[in-house]
Protein backbone atom coordinates (compact mmCIF):
# COMPACT_ATOMS: atom_id res chain seq x y z
CA MET A 1 37.53 -32.55 24.43
CA GLY A 2 36.10 -34.97 21.86
CA SER A 3 33.74 -36.67 24.31
CA LYS A 4 32.37 -33.32 25.48
CA LEU A 5 31.56 -32.35 21.88
CA TYR A 6 29.92 -35.75 21.35
CA ILE A 7 27.70 -35.27 24.41
CA GLU A 8 26.74 -31.73 23.33
CA LEU A 9 25.82 -32.98 19.85
CA LEU A 10 23.85 -35.85 21.35
CA PHE A 11 21.80 -33.46 23.50
CA PHE A 12 21.33 -31.09 20.56
CA PHE A 13 19.88 -33.74 18.26
CA CYS A 14 17.98 -35.72 20.91
CA LYS A 15 16.20 -32.83 22.58
CA GLU A 16 12.49 -33.08 23.01
CA VAL A 17 10.54 -31.42 20.22
CA VAL A 18 7.23 -29.87 21.20
CA MET A 19 4.81 -29.69 18.30
CA LYS A 20 1.77 -27.45 18.44
CA THR A 21 -1.17 -27.53 16.06
CA LEU A 22 -2.41 -24.36 14.40
CA LYS A 23 -6.17 -24.67 14.68
CA LYS A 24 -7.30 -21.17 13.73
CA ILE A 25 -5.97 -18.12 11.90
CA GLY A 26 -7.16 -14.64 12.76
CA VAL A 27 -9.19 -13.62 9.71
CA LEU A 28 -8.59 -9.87 9.95
CA SER A 29 -4.91 -10.23 10.82
CA ALA A 30 -4.36 -12.47 7.79
CA GLY A 31 -6.25 -9.98 5.62
CA PHE A 32 -4.23 -7.03 6.89
CA ALA A 33 -0.92 -8.88 6.53
CA LEU A 34 -1.64 -9.80 2.92
CA ALA A 35 -2.94 -6.29 2.22
CA ILE A 36 0.43 -4.86 3.28
CA ALA A 37 2.34 -7.44 1.23
CA TYR A 38 0.18 -6.80 -1.84
CA PHE A 39 0.59 -3.03 -1.36
CA VAL A 40 4.36 -3.40 -1.60
CA ALA A 41 4.02 -5.73 -4.60
CA GLY A 42 1.61 -3.30 -6.29
CA LEU A 43 3.94 -0.40 -5.65
CA LEU A 44 6.89 -2.27 -7.16
CA TRP A 45 4.80 -3.43 -10.11
CA GLY A 46 3.50 0.08 -10.73
CA LEU A 47 7.00 1.55 -10.57
CA MET A 48 8.41 -1.06 -12.96
CA THR A 49 5.51 -0.54 -15.38
CA TYR A 50 6.01 3.24 -15.21
CA LEU A 51 9.71 2.83 -15.99
CA GLN A 52 8.89 0.55 -18.93
CA ILE A 53 6.42 3.09 -20.29
CA LYS A 54 8.96 5.88 -19.91
CA GLY A 55 11.57 3.71 -21.64
CA MET A 56 9.25 3.04 -24.55
CA ASP A 57 8.40 6.73 -24.62
CA ALA A 58 12.06 7.74 -24.78
CA ALA A 59 12.83 5.13 -27.42
CA THR A 60 10.17 6.37 -29.81
CA ILE A 61 10.11 9.85 -31.24
CA ALA A 62 6.52 11.02 -30.95
CA SER A 63 4.60 14.25 -30.73
CA ASP A 64 4.28 16.23 -27.52
CA ALA A 65 0.63 15.19 -27.12
CA THR A 66 1.60 11.53 -27.17
CA LEU A 67 4.39 12.11 -24.67
CA SER A 68 2.07 13.80 -22.16
CA ALA A 69 -0.60 11.10 -22.59
CA VAL A 70 1.93 8.34 -21.94
CA ALA A 71 3.30 10.18 -18.90
CA ASN A 72 -0.23 10.53 -17.50
CA VAL A 73 -0.90 6.81 -17.94
CA GLY A 74 2.36 5.96 -16.20
CA ALA A 75 1.57 8.26 -13.28
CA TRP A 76 -1.88 6.73 -12.85
CA ILE A 77 -0.41 3.23 -12.87
CA ILE A 78 1.87 4.15 -9.96
CA VAL A 79 -1.13 5.46 -7.98
CA ILE A 80 -3.72 2.80 -8.83
CA SER A 81 -1.67 -0.41 -8.62
CA PRO A 82 -0.93 -0.19 -4.84
CA ILE A 83 -4.60 0.62 -4.15
CA VAL A 84 -5.73 -2.39 -6.18
CA GLY A 85 -3.05 -4.44 -4.40
CA VAL A 86 -4.38 -3.51 -0.96
CA ILE A 87 -7.96 -4.37 -1.92
CA MET A 88 -6.96 -7.70 -3.50
CA GLY A 89 -4.64 -8.58 -0.61
CA LEU A 90 -7.36 -7.95 1.94
CA ILE A 91 -9.89 -10.06 0.01
CA VAL A 92 -7.43 -12.91 -0.59
CA GLY A 93 -6.28 -12.88 3.05
CA LEU A 94 -9.85 -13.04 4.33
CA ILE A 95 -10.78 -15.87 1.96
CA VAL A 96 -7.65 -17.93 2.69
CA ALA A 97 -8.08 -17.57 6.47
CA LEU A 98 -11.75 -18.53 6.30
CA VAL A 99 -11.03 -21.54 4.09
CA TYR A 100 -8.28 -22.67 6.46
CA ASN A 101 -10.39 -22.18 9.60
CA TYR A 102 -13.55 -23.90 8.38
CA ILE A 103 -12.41 -26.44 5.78
CA ILE A 104 -8.72 -27.34 6.08
CA VAL A 105 -8.77 -27.76 9.87
CA LYS A 106 -11.76 -30.11 9.64
CA ILE A 107 -10.14 -32.21 6.91
CA MET A 108 -6.57 -32.55 8.20
CA GLY A 109 -6.71 -31.23 11.76
CA GLY A 110 -4.47 -28.21 11.27
CA ILE A 111 -0.80 -27.55 10.61
CA LYS A 112 1.80 -28.88 13.01
CA LEU A 113 4.36 -26.28 14.12
CA GLU A 114 7.49 -26.52 16.22
CA LEU A 115 7.57 -23.55 18.56
CA VAL A 116 11.02 -22.56 19.71
């Protein structure tokens, strides 16, 4: 039993590792992926900011005009922050992919990956 486990462990740790080099990133796919990630981050940020504004609003006793103005600002933050997130994510994704494809690959040859 012990020798069989030893042989299995030996094969597990001594297996051949195939490394591939990432030479190019799809520019649009990187932009779209980061746009989705930034959309989610913008949505969460907008929601948290809205809740903070509502908390400050509830903590202070103000006039009805102030309450409606603060509620309007909070609602606009929830709408605008994901839109800004998508735009920024797309721009950042495009820039990062282009920098990787045309500068990083030429300097260091790409990123080595182990594909399983």
